[in-house]
Amino acid sequence: MQKIYICSTNLIEMLKIISFTVLIVAICIVLLCVKILFQKNGRFPNMHVSGNKALQKKKIGCVQSQDREARRINPHAIAERKK
């Protein structure tokens, strides 16, 4: 009488590779967060355009911020007449 194997060797190999990949990704995330986890007030660096001091000196801002400012209603504007 032959034994029937539930898991094939391909499935076992696939699970080994997936678990190894998840382990590598977890290690990478932990290493990226070392400064944040172990520093007293650790934070992610501000990668936004408005957080860059060199661009602030040149008065270059984010497109979204510039658009928001352009769409803001001007309280000093004079209302147009209706015809």
N, C-alpha and C. Protein backbone atom coordinates (compact mmCIF):
# COMPACT_ATOMS: atom_id res chain seq x y z
N MET A 1 0.84 -1.18 0.00
CA MET A 1 0.00 0.00 0.00
C MET A 1 0.89 1.25 0.00
N GLN A 2 0.58 2.18 -0.90
CA GLN A 2 1.37 3.39 -1.02
C GLN A 2 0.81 4.49 -0.12
N LYS A 3 1.74 5.31 0.39
CA LYS A 3 1.32 6.44 1.21
C LYS A 3 1.01 7.62 0.30
N ILE A 4 -0.03 8.34 0.65
CA ILE A 4 -0.40 9.53 -0.12
C ILE A 4 0.08 10.75 0.67
N TYR A 5 0.91 11.55 0.03
CA TYR A 5 1.43 12.75 0.66
C TYR A 5 0.49 13.91 0.38
N ILE A 6 0.15 14.64 1.42
CA ILE A 6 -0.76 15.77 1.27
C ILE A 6 -0.03 16.95 0.65
N CYS A 7 1.15 17.24 1.12
CA CYS A 7 1.93 18.36 0.59
C CYS A 7 2.96 17.84 -0.40
N SER A 8 2.98 18.45 -1.53
CA SER A 8 4.01 18.08 -2.50
C SER A 8 5.29 18.84 -2.18
N THR A 9 6.37 18.43 -2.75
CA THR A 9 7.64 19.10 -2.48
C THR A 9 7.64 20.52 -3.03
N ASN A 10 6.90 20.77 -4.12
CA ASN A 10 6.83 22.12 -4.68
C ASN A 10 6.17 23.08 -3.70
N LEU A 11 5.14 22.63 -3.03
CA LEU A 11 4.43 23.48 -2.07
C LEU A 11 5.32 23.78 -0.87
N ILE A 12 6.05 22.79 -0.41
CA ILE A 12 6.95 22.99 0.73
C ILE A 12 8.06 23.98 0.35
N GLU A 13 8.62 23.84 -0.83
CA GLU A 13 9.66 24.77 -1.28
C GLU A 13 9.11 26.19 -1.41
N MET A 14 7.88 26.29 -1.92
CA MET A 14 7.26 27.59 -2.08
C MET A 14 7.05 28.25 -0.71
N LEU A 15 6.61 27.49 0.28
CA LEU A 15 6.40 28.04 1.62
C LEU A 15 7.73 28.46 2.26
N LYS A 16 8.79 27.71 2.00
CA LYS A 16 10.11 28.10 2.50
C LYS A 16 10.55 29.43 1.91
N ILE A 17 10.36 29.59 0.61
CA ILE A 17 10.77 30.83 -0.06
C ILE A 17 9.94 32.00 0.43
N ILE A 18 8.63 31.82 0.58
CA ILE A 18 7.76 32.89 1.06
C ILE A 18 8.13 33.29 2.48
N SER A 19 8.37 32.31 3.36
CA SER A 19 8.73 32.64 4.74
C SER A 19 10.08 33.34 4.79
N PHE A 20 11.03 32.92 3.96
CA PHE A 20 12.33 33.57 3.90
C PHE A 20 12.19 35.01 3.41
N THR A 21 11.34 35.23 2.42
CA THR A 21 11.11 36.58 1.89
C THR A 21 10.46 37.48 2.95
N VAL A 22 9.48 36.96 3.66
CA VAL A 22 8.82 37.74 4.73
C VAL A 22 9.82 38.09 5.82
N LEU A 23 10.71 37.16 6.14
CA LEU A 23 11.74 37.40 7.15
C LEU A 23 12.69 38.51 6.70
N ILE A 24 13.11 38.50 5.45
CA ILE A 24 14.00 39.53 4.94
C ILE A 24 13.32 40.90 4.95
N VAL A 25 12.06 40.96 4.55
CA VAL A 25 11.32 42.23 4.55
C VAL A 25 11.17 42.76 5.97
N ALA A 26 10.88 41.88 6.93
CA ALA A 26 10.74 42.29 8.33
C ALA A 26 12.05 42.84 8.87
N ILE A 27 13.16 42.19 8.54
CA ILE A 27 14.47 42.67 8.99
C ILE A 27 14.76 44.05 8.38
N CYS A 28 14.43 44.24 7.11
CA CYS A 28 14.66 45.54 6.46
C CYS A 28 13.84 46.64 7.11
N ILE A 29 12.60 46.36 7.44
CA ILE A 29 11.75 47.37 8.09
C ILE A 29 12.31 47.73 9.46
N VAL A 30 12.74 46.73 10.21
CA VAL A 30 13.32 47.00 11.53
C VAL A 30 14.59 47.84 11.40
N LEU A 31 15.44 47.52 10.43
CA LEU A 31 16.67 48.28 10.25
C LEU A 31 16.40 49.72 9.80
N LEU A 32 15.34 49.93 9.02
CA LEU A 32 14.99 51.29 8.62
C LEU A 32 14.44 52.10 9.79
N CYS A 33 13.90 51.43 10.78
CA CYS A 33 13.28 52.11 11.92
C CYS A 33 14.19 52.20 13.15
N VAL A 34 15.45 51.79 13.03
CA VAL A 34 16.34 51.77 14.19
C VAL A 34 16.45 53.16 14.81
N LYS A 35 16.67 54.18 14.00
CA LYS A 35 16.83 55.54 14.52
C LYS A 35 15.54 56.01 15.20
N ILE A 36 14.43 55.67 14.62
CA ILE A 36 13.15 56.11 15.16
C ILE A 36 12.83 55.39 16.46
N LEU A 37 13.15 54.10 16.52
CA LEU A 37 12.82 53.30 17.70
C LEU A 37 13.71 53.62 18.90
N PHE A 38 15.00 53.87 18.67
CA PHE A 38 15.93 54.01 19.77
C PHE A 38 16.32 55.44 20.11
N GLN A 39 15.94 56.40 19.32
CA GLN A 39 16.22 57.79 19.63
C GLN A 39 15.05 58.34 20.45
N LYS A 40 15.31 59.27 21.34
CA LYS A 40 14.28 59.75 22.26
C LYS A 40 13.08 60.33 21.53
N ASN A 41 13.30 61.30 20.66
CA ASN A 41 12.21 61.90 19.88
C ASN A 41 12.40 61.56 18.41
N GLY A 42 12.61 60.30 18.13
CA GLY A 42 12.89 59.88 16.76
C GLY A 42 11.68 60.05 15.86
N ARG A 43 11.91 60.58 14.68
CA ARG A 43 10.85 60.79 13.69
C ARG A 43 11.40 60.46 12.32
N PHE A 44 10.48 60.19 11.40
CA PHE A 44 10.89 60.03 10.02
C PHE A 44 11.30 61.39 9.47
N PRO A 45 12.31 61.45 8.62
CA PRO A 45 12.70 62.74 8.04
C PRO A 45 11.61 63.28 7.13
N ASN A 46 11.47 64.59 7.09
CA ASN A 46 10.47 65.22 6.24
C ASN A 46 10.99 65.23 4.81
N MET A 47 10.40 64.44 3.95
CA MET A 47 10.83 64.33 2.57
C MET A 47 10.00 65.20 1.64
N HIS A 48 9.10 66.01 2.20
CA HIS A 48 8.23 66.85 1.40
C HIS A 48 9.01 68.06 0.89
N VAL A 49 8.59 68.61 -0.22
CA VAL A 49 9.28 69.75 -0.82
C VAL A 49 9.30 70.93 0.15
N SER A 50 8.22 71.14 0.87
CA SER A 50 8.16 72.28 1.78
C SER A 50 9.07 72.10 2.99
N GLY A 51 9.55 70.89 3.25
CA GLY A 51 10.45 70.65 4.37
C GLY A 51 11.91 70.82 4.02
N ASN A 52 12.22 71.09 2.77
CA ASN A 52 13.60 71.24 2.31
C ASN A 52 14.03 72.70 2.48
N LYS A 53 15.07 72.93 3.28
CA LYS A 53 15.50 74.30 3.57
C LYS A 53 16.08 75.00 2.34
N ALA A 54 16.78 74.26 1.49
CA ALA A 54 17.36 74.88 0.29
C ALA A 54 16.27 75.36 -0.66
N LEU A 55 15.18 74.61 -0.78
CA LEU A 55 14.09 75.04 -1.64
C LEU A 55 13.30 76.18 -1.01
N GLN A 56 13.25 76.23 0.33
CA GLN A 56 12.57 77.34 1.01
C GLN A 56 13.32 78.64 0.76
N LYS A 57 14.65 78.58 0.74
CA LYS A 57 15.44 79.79 0.47
C LYS A 57 15.18 80.31 -0.94
N LYS A 58 14.96 79.40 -1.89
CA LYS A 58 14.66 79.79 -3.26
C LYS A 58 13.17 80.08 -3.47
N LYS A 59 12.39 79.96 -2.39
CA LYS A 59 10.94 80.19 -2.40
C LYS A 59 10.22 79.27 -3.39
N ILE A 60 10.66 78.02 -3.40
CA ILE A 60 10.00 76.99 -4.20
C ILE A 60 9.15 76.16 -3.26
N GLY A 61 7.90 75.99 -3.62
CA GLY A 61 6.99 75.24 -2.77
C GLY A 61 6.37 74.07 -3.49
N CYS A 62 5.56 73.37 -2.77
CA CYS A 62 4.86 72.21 -3.32
C CYS A 62 3.72 72.69 -4.22
N VAL A 63 3.47 71.95 -5.28
CA VAL A 63 2.41 72.31 -6.22
C VAL A 63 1.05 72.28 -5.51
N GLN A 64 0.85 71.31 -4.66
CA GLN A 64 -0.43 71.22 -3.95
C GLN A 64 -0.62 72.41 -3.02
N SER A 65 0.42 72.83 -2.33
CA SER A 65 0.32 73.99 -1.44
C SER A 65 0.07 75.27 -2.24
N GLN A 66 0.76 75.41 -3.36
CA GLN A 66 0.57 76.59 -4.19
C GLN A 66 -0.85 76.63 -4.76
N ASP A 67 -1.37 75.47 -5.15
CA ASP A 67 -2.73 75.41 -5.66
C ASP A 67 -3.74 75.75 -4.57
N ARG A 68 -3.50 75.26 -3.35
CA ARG A 68 -4.40 75.55 -2.23
C ARG A 68 -4.42 77.05 -1.94
N GLU A 69 -3.24 77.68 -1.98
CA GLU A 69 -3.18 79.13 -1.74
C GLU A 69 -3.87 79.91 -2.86
N ALA A 70 -3.75 79.47 -4.09
CA ALA A 70 -4.37 80.16 -5.22
C ALA A 70 -5.89 80.04 -5.17
N ARG A 71 -6.40 78.94 -4.66
CA ARG A 71 -7.85 78.74 -4.60
C ARG A 71 -8.50 79.39 -3.37
N ARG A 72 -7.68 79.82 -2.42
CA ARG A 72 -8.22 80.43 -1.21
C ARG A 72 -8.95 81.72 -1.56
N ILE A 73 -10.09 81.96 -0.94
CA ILE A 73 -10.88 83.16 -1.20
C ILE A 73 -10.18 84.36 -0.57
N ASN A 74 -10.02 85.40 -1.37
CA ASN A 74 -9.36 86.61 -0.92
C ASN A 74 -10.38 87.48 -0.18
N PRO A 75 -10.15 87.76 1.11
CA PRO A 75 -11.11 88.59 1.85
C PRO A 75 -11.09 90.05 1.40
N HIS A 76 -10.07 90.48 0.70
CA HIS A 76 -9.96 91.87 0.25
C HIS A 76 -10.43 92.07 -1.18
N ALA A 77 -10.92 91.02 -1.79
CA ALA A 77 -11.35 91.13 -3.19
C ALA A 77 -12.67 91.90 -3.27
N ILE A 78 -12.85 92.60 -4.37
CA ILE A 78 -14.08 93.34 -4.61
C ILE A 78 -15.02 92.46 -5.41
N ALA A 79 -16.26 92.36 -4.94
CA ALA A 79 -17.23 91.50 -5.63
C ALA A 79 -17.57 92.08 -6.98
N GLU A 80 -17.73 91.22 -7.97
CA GLU A 80 -18.08 91.68 -9.32
C GLU A 80 -19.57 91.94 -9.39
N ARG A 81 -19.91 92.88 -10.29
CA ARG A 81 -21.33 93.20 -10.47
C ARG A 81 -22.00 92.16 -11.36
N LYS A 82 -23.25 91.90 -11.03
CA LYS A 82 -24.02 90.99 -11.87
C LYS A 82 -24.75 91.81 -12.92
N LYS A 83 -24.83 91.29 -14.13
CA LYS A 83 -25.50 92.02 -15.21
C LYS A 83 -26.95 91.67 -15.26
